[in-house]
Amino acid sequence: MAGPLIQGGRIVGSVGCTRDKTMPAFNSQDVTDLSAVCLHLSERTAVLRSTLPTSSEPSILASEQLTPRELEIANLVALGRTNAEIGRELWITENSVKQALKRMFRKLKVRSRTQMVTQISRTQSNS
């Protein structure tokens, strides 16, 4: 069973649910519940997308220590993207993302994605 995530009249994603063959088939309450989840996620996605910077706006995160490409990666990390998702979005390999993150951690003297985003966010708010 799958339900759409909608924004601006377009499908921007989906939510899928499966059941083990030993479980009963989906019923009308399951469909209603999935519809409510999709509606909620569609609304939250729209709110999140409306807060993202466009290419003409300054980056959410900025640091003089990072290259423009590293800032792109940092912004996607701040949005909760995985290395694989970042790679797909930026058309680079997952390994390239991992290597970039290692370089960024060294430059910023941090040990985690959370520390990196926190430090860059503080740098931005102090500017």
PDB file of N, CA and C in Angstrom:
ATOM      1  N   MET A   1       0.861  -1.159   0.000  1.00  0.00           N
ATOM      2  CA  MET A   1       0.000   0.000   0.000  1.00  0.00           C
ATOM      3  C   MET A   1       0.906   1.220   0.000  1.00  0.00           C
ATOM      4  N   ALA A   2       0.613   2.201  -0.826  1.00  0.00           N
ATOM      5  CA  ALA A   2       1.419   3.413  -0.914  1.00  0.00           C
ATOM      6  C   ALA A   2       0.514   4.627  -0.964  1.00  0.00           C
ATOM      7  N   GLY A   3       1.028   5.720  -0.404  1.00  0.00           N
ATOM      8  CA  GLY A   3       0.299   6.976  -0.432  1.00  0.00           C
ATOM      9  C   GLY A   3       1.215   8.087  -0.888  1.00  0.00           C
ATOM     10  N   PRO A   4       0.671   9.074  -1.594  1.00  0.00           N
ATOM     11  CA  PRO A   4       1.501  10.145  -2.153  1.00  0.00           C
ATOM     12  C   PRO A   4       1.784  11.268  -1.156  1.00  0.00           C
ATOM     13  N   LEU A   5       2.936  11.917  -1.345  1.00  0.00           N
ATOM     14  CA  LEU A   5       3.240  13.172  -0.658  1.00  0.00           C
ATOM     15  C   LEU A   5       3.113  14.255  -1.725  1.00  0.00           C
ATOM     16  N   ILE A   6       2.281  15.249  -1.456  1.00  0.00           N
ATOM     17  CA  ILE A   6       1.927  16.259  -2.451  1.00  0.00           C
ATOM     18  C   ILE A   6       2.426  17.623  -2.015  1.00  0.00           C
ATOM     19  N   GLN A   7       2.948  18.392  -2.989  1.00  0.00           N
ATOM     20  CA  GLN A   7       3.274  19.791  -2.746  1.00  0.00           C
ATOM     21  C   GLN A   7       3.027  20.550  -4.031  1.00  0.00           C
ATOM     22  N   GLY A   8       2.291  21.612  -3.932  1.00  0.00           N
ATOM     23  CA  GLY A   8       2.002  22.436  -5.099  1.00  0.00           C
ATOM     24  C   GLY A   8       1.293  21.665  -6.201  1.00  0.00           C
ATOM     25  N   GLY A   9       0.441  20.714  -5.822  1.00  0.00           N
ATOM     26  CA  GLY A   9      -0.298  19.936  -6.811  1.00  0.00           C
ATOM     27  C   GLY A   9       0.523  18.866  -7.508  1.00  0.00           C
ATOM     28  N   ARG A  10       1.763  18.651  -7.050  1.00  0.00           N
ATOM     29  CA  ARG A  10       2.628  17.629  -7.665  1.00  0.00           C
ATOM     30  C   ARG A  10       3.020  16.592  -6.628  1.00  0.00           C
ATOM     31  N   ILE A  11       3.217  15.375  -7.074  1.00  0.00           N
ATOM     32  CA  ILE A  11       3.711  14.327  -6.186  1.00  0.00           C
ATOM     33  C   ILE A  11       5.212  14.548  -5.995  1.00  0.00           C
ATOM     34  N   VAL A  12       5.627  14.705  -4.740  1.00  0.00           N
ATOM     35  CA  VAL A  12       7.038  14.935  -4.439  1.00  0.00           C
ATOM     36  C   VAL A  12       7.653  13.756  -3.685  1.00  0.00           C
ATOM     37  N   GLY A  13       6.862  12.758  -3.397  1.00  0.00           N
ATOM     38  CA  GLY A  13       7.359  11.586  -2.682  1.00  0.00           C
ATOM     39  C   GLY A  13       6.216  10.641  -2.393  1.00  0.00           C
ATOM     40  N   SER A  14       6.520   9.608  -1.646  1.00  0.00           N
ATOM     41  CA  SER A  14       5.470   8.659  -1.281  1.00  0.00           C
ATOM     42  C   SER A  14       5.835   7.953   0.015  1.00  0.00           C
ATOM     43  N   VAL A  15       4.822   7.373   0.612  1.00  0.00           N
ATOM     44  CA  VAL A  15       4.986   6.567   1.814  1.00  0.00           C
ATOM     45  C   VAL A  15       4.455   5.186   1.474  1.00  0.00           C
ATOM     46  N   GLY A  16       5.254   4.180   1.733  1.00  0.00           N
ATOM     47  CA  GLY A  16       4.828   2.815   1.432  1.00  0.00           C
ATOM     48  C   GLY A  16       4.746   1.968   2.685  1.00  0.00           C
ATOM     49  N   CYS A  17       3.781   1.108   2.718  1.00  0.00           N
ATOM     50  CA  CYS A  17       3.605   0.181   3.837  1.00  0.00           C
ATOM     51  C   CYS A  17       3.438  -1.225   3.272  1.00  0.00           C
ATOM     52  N   THR A  18       4.059  -2.171   3.926  1.00  0.00           N
ATOM     53  CA  THR A  18       3.904  -3.571   3.524  1.00  0.00           C
ATOM     54  C   THR A  18       3.525  -4.395   4.739  1.00  0.00           C
ATOM     55  N   ARG A  19       3.034  -5.571   4.468  1.00  0.00           N
ATOM     56  CA  ARG A  19       2.680  -6.491   5.530  1.00  0.00           C
ATOM     57  C   ARG A  19       3.289  -7.846   5.224  1.00  0.00           C
ATOM     58  N   ASP A  20       3.610  -8.544   6.259  1.00  0.00           N
ATOM     59  CA  ASP A  20       4.063  -9.924   6.124  1.00  0.00           C
ATOM     60  C   ASP A  20       2.880 -10.752   5.636  1.00  0.00           C
ATOM     61  N   LYS A  21       3.144 -11.778   4.831  1.00  0.00           N
ATOM     62  CA  LYS A  21       2.025 -12.565   4.274  1.00  0.00           C
ATOM     63  C   LYS A  21       1.219 -13.284   5.342  1.00  0.00           C
ATOM     64  N   THR A  22       1.734 -13.370   6.562  1.00  0.00           N
ATOM     65  CA  THR A  22       0.963 -14.007   7.637  1.00  0.00           C
ATOM     66  C   THR A  22      -0.036 -13.032   8.267  1.00  0.00           C
ATOM     67  N   MET A  23       0.074 -11.750   7.930  1.00  0.00           N
ATOM     68  CA  MET A  23      -0.813 -10.738   8.506  1.00  0.00           C
ATOM     69  C   MET A  23      -2.050 -10.561   7.622  1.00  0.00           C
ATOM     70  N   PRO A  24      -3.137 -10.064   8.206  1.00  0.00           N
ATOM     71  CA  PRO A  24      -4.344  -9.833   7.395  1.00  0.00           C
ATOM     72  C   PRO A  24      -4.122  -8.707   6.392  1.00  0.00           C
ATOM     73  N   ALA A  25      -4.935  -8.670   5.365  1.00  0.00           N
ATOM     74  CA  ALA A  25      -4.855  -7.639   4.330  1.00  0.00           C
ATOM     75  C   ALA A  25      -5.153  -6.268   4.933  1.00  0.00           C
ATOM     76  N   PHE A  26      -4.698  -5.224   4.242  1.00  0.00           N
ATOM     77  CA  PHE A  26      -5.010  -3.872   4.682  1.00  0.00           C
ATOM     78  C   PHE A  26      -6.520  -3.674   4.624  1.00  0.00           C
ATOM     79  N   ASN A  27      -7.042  -2.900   5.565  1.00  0.00           N
ATOM     80  CA  ASN A  27      -8.474  -2.612   5.577  1.00  0.00           C
ATOM     81  C   ASN A  27      -8.700  -1.123   5.403  1.00  0.00           C
ATOM     82  N   SER A  28      -9.955  -0.705   5.433  1.00  0.00           N
ATOM     83  CA  SER A  28     -10.278   0.701   5.185  1.00  0.00           C
ATOM     84  C   SER A  28      -9.701   1.613   6.267  1.00  0.00           C
ATOM     85  N   GLN A  29      -9.590   1.139   7.496  1.00  0.00           N
ATOM     86  CA  GLN A  29      -8.978   1.956   8.555  1.00  0.00           C
ATOM     87  C   GLN A  29      -7.495   2.177   8.275  1.00  0.00           C
ATOM     88  N   ASP A  30      -6.821   1.153   7.752  1.00  0.00           N
ATOM     89  CA  ASP A  30      -5.408   1.298   7.390  1.00  0.00           C
ATOM     90  C   ASP A  30      -5.237   2.347   6.299  1.00  0.00           C
ATOM     91  N   VAL A  31      -6.125   2.325   5.323  1.00  0.00           N
ATOM     92  CA  VAL A  31      -6.063   3.305   4.226  1.00  0.00           C
ATOM     93  C   VAL A  31      -6.306   4.711   4.771  1.00  0.00           C
ATOM     94  N   THR A  32      -7.257   4.851   5.675  1.00  0.00           N
ATOM     95  CA  THR A  32      -7.546   6.142   6.304  1.00  0.00           C
ATOM     96  C   THR A  32      -6.340   6.636   7.094  1.00  0.00           C
ATOM     97  N   ASP A  33      -5.717   5.737   7.856  1.00  0.00           N
ATOM     98  CA  ASP A  33      -4.532   6.107   8.638  1.00  0.00           C
ATOM     99  C   ASP A  33      -3.386   6.539   7.730  1.00  0.00           C
ATOM    100  N   LEU A  34      -3.160   5.801   6.639  1.00  0.00           N
ATOM    101  CA  LEU A  34      -2.100   6.167   5.704  1.00  0.00           C
ATOM    102  C   LEU A  34      -2.392   7.524   5.072  1.00  0.00           C
ATOM    103  N   SER A  35      -3.636   7.776   4.750  1.00  0.00           N
ATOM    104  CA  SER A  35      -4.020   9.061   4.177  1.00  0.00           C
ATOM    105  C   SER A  35      -3.704  10.194   5.139  1.00  0.00           C
ATOM    106  N   ALA A  36      -3.984  10.000   6.417  1.00  0.00           N
ATOM    107  CA  ALA A  36      -3.690  11.026   7.427  1.00  0.00           C
ATOM    108  C   ALA A  36      -2.187  11.245   7.552  1.00  0.00           C
ATOM    109  N   VAL A  37      -1.412  10.171   7.536  1.00  0.00           N
ATOM    110  CA  VAL A  37       0.050  10.285   7.611  1.00  0.00           C
ATOM    111  C   VAL A  37       0.570  11.046   6.390  1.00  0.00           C
ATOM    112  N   CYS A  38       0.087  10.707   5.205  1.00  0.00           N
ATOM    113  CA  CYS A  38       0.533  11.386   3.983  1.00  0.00           C
ATOM    114  C   CYS A  38       0.171  12.866   4.002  1.00  0.00           C
ATOM    115  N   LEU A  39      -1.003  13.189   4.480  1.00  0.00           N
ATOM    116  CA  LEU A  39      -1.420  14.587   4.578  1.00  0.00           C
ATOM    117  C   LEU A  39      -0.491  15.342   5.525  1.00  0.00           C
ATOM    118  N   HIS A  40      -0.219  14.750   6.675  1.00  0.00           N
ATOM    119  CA  HIS A  40       0.668  15.386   7.649  1.00  0.00           C
ATOM    120  C   HIS A  40       2.072  15.572   7.070  1.00  0.00           C
ATOM    121  N   LEU A  41       2.624  14.530   6.461  1.00  0.00           N
ATOM    122  CA  LEU A  41       3.970  14.627   5.891  1.00  0.00           C
ATOM    123  C   LEU A  41       4.025  15.615   4.724  1.00  0.00           C
ATOM    124  N   SER A  42       2.973  15.681   3.924  1.00  0.00           N
ATOM    125  CA  SER A  42       2.920  16.648   2.827  1.00  0.00           C
ATOM    126  C   SER A  42       2.977  18.067   3.369  1.00  0.00           C
ATOM    127  N   GLU A  43       2.231  18.320   4.425  1.00  0.00           N
ATOM    128  CA  GLU A  43       2.201  19.648   5.030  1.00  0.00           C
ATOM    129  C   GLU A  43       3.558  19.985   5.634  1.00  0.00           C
ATOM    130  N   ARG A  44       4.160  19.042   6.358  1.00  0.00           N
ATOM    131  CA  ARG A  44       5.472  19.287   6.979  1.00  0.00           C
ATOM    132  C   ARG A  44       6.551  19.485   5.915  1.00  0.00           C
ATOM    133  N   THR A  45       6.492  18.723   4.842  1.00  0.00           N
ATOM    134  CA  THR A  45       7.456  18.871   3.754  1.00  0.00           C
ATOM    135  C   THR A  45       7.335  20.252   3.126  1.00  0.00           C
ATOM    136  N   ALA A  46       6.117  20.706   2.928  1.00  0.00           N
ATOM    137  CA  ALA A  46       5.900  22.030   2.341  1.00  0.00           C
ATOM    138  C   ALA A  46       6.468  23.119   3.248  1.00  0.00           C
ATOM    139  N   VAL A  47       6.258  22.987   4.553  1.00  0.00           N
ATOM    140  CA  VAL A  47       6.783  23.970   5.502  1.00  0.00           C
ATOM    141  C   VAL A  47       8.309  23.961   5.470  1.00  0.00           C
ATOM    142  N   LEU A  48       8.915  22.781   5.495  1.00  0.00           N
ATOM    143  CA  LEU A  48      10.374  22.684   5.471  1.00  0.00           C
ATOM    144  C   LEU A  48      10.954  23.242   4.176  1.00  0.00           C
ATOM    145  N   ARG A  49      10.343  22.910   3.055  1.00  0.00           N
ATOM    146  CA  ARG A  49      10.846  23.412   1.781  1.00  0.00           C
ATOM    147  C   ARG A  49      10.721  24.926   1.682  1.00  0.00           C
ATOM    148  N   SER A  50       9.707  25.473   2.297  1.00  0.00           N
ATOM    149  CA  SER A  50       9.539  26.930   2.231  1.00  0.00           C
ATOM    150  C   SER A  50      10.603  27.652   3.044  1.00  0.00           C
ATOM    151  N   THR A  51      11.261  26.957   3.970  1.00  0.00           N
ATOM    152  CA  THR A  51      12.302  27.588   4.781  1.00  0.00           C
ATOM    153  C   THR A  51      13.696  27.392   4.195  1.00  0.00           C
ATOM    154  N   LEU A  52      13.830  26.590   3.136  1.00  0.00           N
ATOM    155  CA  LEU A  52      15.136  26.365   2.521  1.00  0.00           C
ATOM    156  C   LEU A  52      15.556  27.573   1.709  1.00  0.00           C
ATOM    157  N   PRO A  53      16.857  27.857   1.691  1.00  0.00           N
ATOM    158  CA  PRO A  53      17.304  28.990   0.881  1.00  0.00           C
ATOM    159  C   PRO A  53      17.242  28.647  -0.599  1.00  0.00           C
ATOM    160  N   THR A  54      16.947  29.635  -1.417  1.00  0.00           N
ATOM    161  CA  THR A  54      17.051  29.437  -2.854  1.00  0.00           C
ATOM    162  C   THR A  54      18.484  29.740  -3.245  1.00  0.00           C
ATOM    163  N   SER A  55      18.853  29.439  -4.461  1.00  0.00           N
ATOM    164  CA  SER A  55      20.236  29.633  -4.871  1.00  0.00           C
ATOM    165  C   SER A  55      20.661  31.100  -4.813  1.00  0.00           C
ATOM    166  N   SER A  56      19.708  32.037  -4.881  1.00  0.00           N
ATOM    167  CA  SER A  56      20.066  33.451  -4.854  1.00  0.00           C
ATOM    168  C   SER A  56      20.202  33.980  -3.425  1.00  0.00           C
ATOM    169  N   GLU A  57      19.729  33.187  -2.432  1.00  0.00           N
ATOM    170  CA  GLU A  57      19.829  33.621  -1.049  1.00  0.00           C
ATOM    171  C   GLU A  57      21.127  33.117  -0.438  1.00  0.00           C
ATOM    172  N   PRO A  58      21.619  33.774   0.608  1.00  0.00           N
ATOM    173  CA  PRO A  58      22.810  33.258   1.262  1.00  0.00           C
ATOM    174  C   PRO A  58      22.518  31.903   1.901  1.00  0.00           C
ATOM    175  N   SER A  59      23.533  31.116   2.058  1.00  0.00           N
ATOM    176  CA  SER A  59      23.420  29.796   2.651  1.00  0.00           C
ATOM    177  C   SER A  59      22.947  29.885   4.094  1.00  0.00           C
ATOM    178  N   ILE A  60      22.207  28.866   4.548  1.00  0.00           N
ATOM    179  CA  ILE A  60      21.820  28.780   5.952  1.00  0.00           C
ATOM    180  C   ILE A  60      23.086  28.721   6.799  1.00  0.00           C
ATOM    181  N   LEU A  61      24.033  27.927   6.333  1.00  0.00           N
ATOM    182  CA  LEU A  61      25.269  27.711   7.057  1.00  0.00           C
ATOM    183  C   LEU A  61      26.404  28.372   6.291  1.00  0.00           C
ATOM    184  N   ALA A  62      27.252  29.073   6.979  1.00  0.00           N
ATOM    185  CA  ALA A  62      28.386  29.685   6.304  1.00  0.00           C
ATOM    186  C   ALA A  62      29.609  29.599   7.194  1.00  0.00           C
ATOM    187  N   SER A  63      30.726  29.370   6.594  1.00  0.00           N
ATOM    188  CA  SER A  63      31.975  29.355   7.323  1.00  0.00           C
ATOM    189  C   SER A  63      33.074  29.685   6.337  1.00  0.00           C
ATOM    190  N   GLU A  64      33.938  30.573   6.737  1.00  0.00           N
ATOM    191  CA  GLU A  64      35.038  30.937   5.857  1.00  0.00           C
ATOM    192  C   GLU A  64      35.990  29.770   5.657  1.00  0.00           C
ATOM    193  N   GLN A  65      35.935  28.781   6.536  1.00  0.00           N
ATOM    194  CA  GLN A  65      36.852  27.648   6.462  1.00  0.00           C
ATOM    195  C   GLN A  65      36.455  26.631   5.396  1.00  0.00           C
ATOM    196  N   LEU A  66      35.217  26.645   4.953  1.00  0.00           N
ATOM    197  CA  LEU A  66      34.727  25.613   4.038  1.00  0.00           C
ATOM    198  C   LEU A  66      34.570  26.148   2.622  1.00  0.00           C
ATOM    199  N   THR A  67      34.778  25.252   1.662  1.00  0.00           N
ATOM    200  CA  THR A  67      34.580  25.601   0.255  1.00  0.00           C
ATOM    201  C   THR A  67      33.085  25.682  -0.042  1.00  0.00           C
ATOM    202  N   PRO A  68      32.695  26.278  -1.165  1.00  0.00           N
ATOM    203  CA  PRO A  68      31.272  26.311  -1.518  1.00  0.00           C
ATOM    204  C   PRO A  68      30.654  24.908  -1.597  1.00  0.00           C
ATOM    205  N   ARG A  69      31.403  23.937  -2.139  1.00  0.00           N
ATOM    206  CA  ARG A  69      30.876  22.574  -2.231  1.00  0.00           C
ATOM    207  C   ARG A  69      30.700  21.967  -0.842  1.00  0.00           C
ATOM    208  N   GLU A  70      31.651  22.222   0.042  1.00  0.00           N
ATOM    209  CA  GLU A  70      31.529  21.715   1.410  1.00  0.00           C
ATOM    210  C   GLU A  70      30.341  22.351   2.118  1.00  0.00           C
ATOM    211  N   LEU A  71      30.074  23.613   1.830  1.00  0.00           N
ATOM    212  CA  LEU A  71      28.897  24.261   2.415  1.00  0.00           C
ATOM    213  C   LEU A  71      27.606  23.630   1.899  1.00  0.00           C
ATOM    214  N   GLU A  72      27.593  23.240   0.616  1.00  0.00           N
ATOM    215  CA  GLU A  72      26.426  22.530   0.086  1.00  0.00           C
ATOM    216  C   GLU A  72      26.194  21.250   0.874  1.00  0.00           C
ATOM    217  N   ILE A  73      27.271  20.517   1.094  1.00  0.00           N
ATOM    218  CA  ILE A  73      27.174  19.262   1.841  1.00  0.00           C
ATOM    219  C   ILE A  73      26.705  19.540   3.271  1.00  0.00           C
ATOM    220  N   ALA A  74      27.277  20.578   3.904  1.00  0.00           N
ATOM    221  CA  ALA A  74      26.886  20.925   5.270  1.00  0.00           C
ATOM    222  C   ALA A  74      25.405  21.288   5.361  1.00  0.00           C
ATOM    223  N   ASN A  75      24.902  22.020   4.375  1.00  0.00           N
ATOM    224  CA  ASN A  75      23.483  22.364   4.366  1.00  0.00           C
ATOM    225  C   ASN A  75      22.610  21.116   4.287  1.00  0.00           C
ATOM    226  N   LEU A  76      23.009  20.156   3.468  1.00  0.00           N
ATOM    227  CA  LEU A  76      22.235  18.924   3.339  1.00  0.00           C
ATOM    228  C   LEU A  76      22.332  18.084   4.606  1.00  0.00           C
ATOM    229  N   VAL A  77      23.493  18.082   5.244  1.00  0.00           N
ATOM    230  CA  VAL A  77      23.632  17.398   6.533  1.00  0.00           C
ATOM    231  C   VAL A  77      22.687  18.044   7.546  1.00  0.00           C
ATOM    232  N   ALA A  78      22.633  19.374   7.555  1.00  0.00           N
ATOM    233  CA  ALA A  78      21.755  20.093   8.490  1.00  0.00           C
ATOM    234  C   ALA A  78      20.284  19.755   8.268  1.00  0.00           C
ATOM    235  N   LEU A  79      19.954  19.375   7.037  1.00  0.00           N
ATOM    236  CA  LEU A  79      18.573  18.994   6.728  1.00  0.00           C
ATOM    237  C   LEU A  79      18.294  17.533   7.033  1.00  0.00           C
ATOM    238  N   GLY A  80      19.311  16.835   7.553  1.00  0.00           N
ATOM    239  CA  GLY A  80      19.117  15.450   7.961  1.00  0.00           C
ATOM    240  C   GLY A  80      19.324  14.421   6.869  1.00  0.00           C
ATOM    241  N   ARG A  81      19.918  14.821   5.762  1.00  0.00           N
ATOM    242  CA  ARG A  81      20.139  13.882   4.658  1.00  0.00           C
ATOM    243  C   ARG A  81      21.249  12.882   5.011  1.00  0.00           C
ATOM    244  N   THR A  82      21.139  11.672   4.514  1.00  0.00           N
ATOM    245  CA  THR A  82      22.176  10.659   4.675  1.00  0.00           C
ATOM    246  C   THR A  82      23.265  10.898   3.636  1.00  0.00           C
ATOM    247  N   ASN A  83      24.406  10.228   3.806  1.00  0.00           N
ATOM    248  CA  ASN A  83      25.483  10.352   2.820  1.00  0.00           C
ATOM    249  C   ASN A  83      24.991   9.929   1.436  1.00  0.00           C
ATOM    250  N   ALA A  84      24.222   8.854   1.379  1.00  0.00           N
ATOM    251  CA  ALA A  84      23.710   8.368   0.094  1.00  0.00           C
ATOM    252  C   ALA A  84      22.790   9.410  -0.549  1.00  0.00           C
ATOM    253  N   GLU A  85      21.913  10.015   0.243  1.00  0.00           N
ATOM    254  CA  GLU A  85      21.000  11.035  -0.286  1.00  0.00           C
ATOM    255  C   GLU A  85      21.768  12.268  -0.752  1.00  0.00           C
ATOM    256  N   ILE A  86      22.780  12.666   0.005  1.00  0.00           N
ATOM    257  CA  ILE A  86      23.596  13.812  -0.388  1.00  0.00           C
ATOM    258  C   ILE A  86      24.305  13.512  -1.705  1.00  0.00           C
ATOM    259  N   GLY A  87      24.868  12.319  -1.810  1.00  0.00           N
ATOM    260  CA  GLY A  87      25.543  11.918  -3.042  1.00  0.00           C
ATOM    261  C   GLY A  87      24.620  11.984  -4.243  1.00  0.00           C
ATOM    262  N   ARG A  88      23.409  11.446  -4.098  1.00  0.00           N
ATOM    263  CA  ARG A  88      22.446  11.471  -5.208  1.00  0.00           C
ATOM    264  C   ARG A  88      22.068  12.897  -5.575  1.00  0.00           C
ATOM    265  N   GLU A  89      21.850  13.725  -4.567  1.00  0.00           N
ATOM    266  CA  GLU A  89      21.427  15.106  -4.832  1.00  0.00           C
ATOM    267  C   GLU A  89      22.521  15.931  -5.499  1.00  0.00           C
ATOM    268  N   LEU A  90      23.783  15.674  -5.124  1.00  0.00           N
ATOM    269  CA  LEU A  90      24.895  16.454  -5.669  1.00  0.00           C
ATOM    270  C   LEU A  90      25.614  15.740  -6.811  1.00  0.00           C
ATOM    271  N   TRP A  91      25.122  14.595  -7.191  1.00  0.00           N
ATOM    272  CA  TRP A  91      25.698  13.815  -8.294  1.00  0.00           C
ATOM    273  C   TRP A  91      27.153  13.432  -8.023  1.00  0.00           C
ATOM    274  N   ILE A  92      27.412  12.991  -6.793  1.00  0.00           N
ATOM    275  CA  ILE A  92      28.727  12.490  -6.431  1.00  0.00           C
ATOM    276  C   ILE A  92      28.537  11.155  -5.726  1.00  0.00           C
ATOM    277  N   THR A  93      29.613  10.398  -5.575  1.00  0.00           N
ATOM    278  CA  THR A  93      29.487   9.103  -4.924  1.00  0.00           C
ATOM    279  C   THR A  93      29.323   9.273  -3.420  1.00  0.00           C
ATOM    280  N   GLU A  94      28.768   8.257  -2.795  1.00  0.00           N
ATOM    281  CA  GLU A  94      28.625   8.264  -1.341  1.00  0.00           C
ATOM    282  C   GLU A  94      30.011   8.355  -0.689  1.00  0.00           C
ATOM    283  N   ASN A  95      30.999   7.690  -1.287  1.00  0.00           N
ATOM    284  CA  ASN A  95      32.353   7.751  -0.757  1.00  0.00           C
ATOM    285  C   ASN A  95      32.911   9.176  -0.830  1.00  0.00           C
ATOM    286  N   SER A  96      32.598   9.908  -1.898  1.00  0.00           N
ATOM    287  CA  SER A  96      33.044  11.307  -2.002  1.00  0.00           C
ATOM    288  C   SER A  96      32.445  12.151  -0.878  1.00  0.00           C
ATOM    289  N   VAL A  97      31.199  11.865  -0.535  1.00  0.00           N
ATOM    290  CA  VAL A  97      30.551  12.578   0.577  1.00  0.00           C
ATOM    291  C   VAL A  97      31.291  12.265   1.875  1.00  0.00           C
ATOM    292  N   LYS A  98      31.587  10.976   2.098  1.00  0.00           N
ATOM    293  CA  LYS A  98      32.290  10.579   3.325  1.00  0.00           C
ATOM    294  C   LYS A  98      33.645  11.267   3.426  1.00  0.00           C
ATOM    295  N   GLN A  99      34.383  11.296   2.328  1.00  0.00           N
ATOM    296  CA  GLN A  99      35.708  11.926   2.326  1.00  0.00           C
ATOM    297  C   GLN A  99      35.594  13.431   2.569  1.00  0.00           C
ATOM    298  N   ALA A 100      34.595  14.055   1.965  1.00  0.00           N
ATOM    299  CA  ALA A 100      34.391  15.492   2.176  1.00  0.00           C
ATOM    300  C   ALA A 100      34.069  15.770   3.644  1.00  0.00           C
ATOM    301  N   LEU A 101      33.224  14.934   4.230  1.00  0.00           N
ATOM    302  CA  LEU A 101      32.881  15.121   5.639  1.00  0.00           C
ATOM    303  C   LEU A 101      34.110  14.972   6.533  1.00  0.00           C
ATOM    304  N   LYS A 102      34.968  14.011   6.225  1.00  0.00           N
ATOM    305  CA  LYS A 102      36.203  13.846   7.008  1.00  0.00           C
ATOM    306  C   LYS A 102      37.051  15.111   6.943  1.00  0.00           C
ATOM    307  N   ARG A 103      37.213  15.675   5.717  1.00  0.00           N
ATOM    308  CA  ARG A 103      37.982  16.912   5.560  1.00  0.00           C
ATOM    309  C   ARG A 103      37.330  18.051   6.345  1.00  0.00           C
ATOM    310  N   MET A 104      36.014  18.136   6.260  1.00  0.00           N
ATOM    311  CA  MET A 104      35.281  19.196   6.947  1.00  0.00           C
ATOM    312  C   MET A 104      35.433  19.063   8.465  1.00  0.00           C
ATOM    313  N   PHE A 105      35.353  17.840   8.976  1.00  0.00           N
ATOM    314  CA  PHE A 105      35.527  17.611  10.409  1.00  0.00           C
ATOM    315  C   PHE A 105      36.911  18.063  10.858  1.00  0.00           C
ATOM    316  N   ARG A 106      37.937  17.739  10.054  1.00  0.00           N
ATOM    317  CA  ARG A 106      39.303  18.155  10.401  1.00  0.00           C
ATOM    318  C   ARG A 106      39.422  19.677  10.398  1.00  0.00           C
ATOM    319  N   LYS A 107      38.902  20.319   9.362  1.00  0.00           N
ATOM    320  CA  LYS A 107      38.976  21.781   9.260  1.00  0.00           C
ATOM    321  C   LYS A 107      38.306  22.463  10.448  1.00  0.00           C
ATOM    322  N   LEU A 108      37.160  21.925  10.834  1.00  0.00           N
ATOM    323  CA  LEU A 108      36.369  22.553  11.891  1.00  0.00           C
ATOM    324  C   LEU A 108      36.699  22.015  13.282  1.00  0.00           C
ATOM    325  N   LYS A 109      37.569  20.987  13.330  1.00  0.00           N
ATOM    326  CA  LYS A 109      37.967  20.362  14.604  1.00  0.00           C
ATOM    327  C   LYS A 109      36.755  19.842  15.371  1.00  0.00           C
ATOM    328  N   VAL A 110      35.908  19.079  14.654  1.00  0.00           N
ATOM    329  CA  VAL A 110      34.732  18.445  15.257  1.00  0.00           C
ATOM    330  C   VAL A 110      34.792  16.947  14.988  1.00  0.00           C
ATOM    331  N   ARG A 111      33.925  16.196  15.685  1.00  0.00           N
ATOM    332  CA  ARG A 111      33.942  14.745  15.531  1.00  0.00           C
ATOM    333  C   ARG A 111      32.617  14.152  15.080  1.00  0.00           C
ATOM    334  N   SER A 112      31.621  14.987  14.872  1.00  0.00           N
ATOM    335  CA  SER A 112      30.325  14.455  14.448  1.00  0.00           C
ATOM    336  C   SER A 112      29.595  15.447  13.556  1.00  0.00           C
ATOM    337  N   ARG A 113      28.598  14.935  12.870  1.00  0.00           N
ATOM    338  CA  ARG A 113      27.772  15.767  12.000  1.00  0.00           C
ATOM    339  C   ARG A 113      27.058  16.839  12.829  1.00  0.00           C
ATOM    340  N   THR A 114      26.568  16.439  14.003  1.00  0.00           N
ATOM    341  CA  THR A 114      25.851  17.371  14.876  1.00  0.00           C
ATOM    342  C   THR A 114      26.759  18.499  15.330  1.00  0.00           C
ATOM    343  N   GLN A 115      27.996  18.164  15.751  1.00  0.00           N
ATOM    344  CA  GLN A 115      28.937  19.202  16.161  1.00  0.00           C
ATOM    345  C   GLN A 115      29.249  20.144  14.999  1.00  0.00           C
ATOM    346  N   MET A 116      29.391  19.577  13.801  1.00  0.00           N
ATOM    347  CA  MET A 116      29.702  20.389  12.630  1.00  0.00           C
ATOM    348  C   MET A 116      28.590  21.401  12.361  1.00  0.00           C
ATOM    349  N   VAL A 117      27.359  20.918  12.319  1.00  0.00           N
ATOM    350  CA  VAL A 117      26.218  21.797  12.031  1.00  0.00           C
ATOM    351  C   VAL A 117      26.077  22.857  13.118  1.00  0.00           C
ATOM    352  N   THR A 118      26.259  22.454  14.368  1.00  0.00           N
ATOM    353  CA  THR A 118      26.157  23.403  15.491  1.00  0.00           C
ATOM    354  C   THR A 118      27.216  24.485  15.367  1.00  0.00           C
ATOM    355  N   GLN A 119      28.445  24.088  15.098  1.00  0.00           N
ATOM    356  CA  GLN A 119      29.539  25.064  14.988  1.00  0.00           C
ATOM    357  C   GLN A 119      29.321  26.024  13.820  1.00  0.00           C
ATOM    358  N   ILE A 120      28.917  25.497  12.680  1.00  0.00           N
ATOM    359  CA  ILE A 120      28.712  26.359  11.509  1.00  0.00           C
ATOM    360  C   ILE A 120      27.525  27.287  11.748  1.00  0.00           C
ATOM    361  N   SER A 121      26.486  26.782  12.392  1.00  0.00           N
ATOM    362  CA  SER A 121      25.314  27.612  12.691  1.00  0.00           C
ATOM    363  C   SER A 121      25.689  28.763  13.619  1.00  0.00           C
ATOM    364  N   ARG A 122      26.522  28.473  14.610  1.00  0.00           N
ATOM    365  CA  ARG A 122      26.984  29.534  15.526  1.00  0.00           C
ATOM    366  C   ARG A 122      27.814  30.561  14.767  1.00  0.00           C
ATOM    367  N   THR A 123      28.678  30.087  13.865  1.00  0.00           N
ATOM    368  CA  THR A 123      29.492  31.000  13.054  1.00  0.00           C
ATOM    369  C   THR A 123      28.590  31.928  12.261  1.00  0.00           C
ATOM    370  N   GLN A 124      27.534  31.359  11.673  1.00  0.00           N
ATOM    371  CA  GLN A 124      26.590  32.142  10.872  1.00  0.00           C
ATOM    372  C   GLN A 124      25.853  33.166  11.733  1.00  0.00           C
ATOM    373  N   SER A 125      25.400  32.748  12.907  1.00  0.00           N
ATOM    374  CA  SER A 125      24.627  33.668  13.749  1.00  0.00           C
ATOM    375  C   SER A 125      25.493  34.763  14.357  1.00  0.00           C
ATOM    376  N   ASN A 126      26.797  34.514  14.483  1.00  0.00           N
ATOM    377  CA  ASN A 126      27.705  35.537  15.007  1.00  0.00           C
ATOM    378  C   ASN A 126      28.157  36.518  13.949  1.00  0.00           C
ATOM    379  N   SER A 127      27.904  36.221  12.670  1.00  0.00           N
ATOM    380  CA  SER A 127      28.356  37.109  11.577  1.00  0.00           C
ATOM    381  C   SER A 127      27.432  38.294  11.423  1.00  0.00           C
TER     382      SER A 127
END
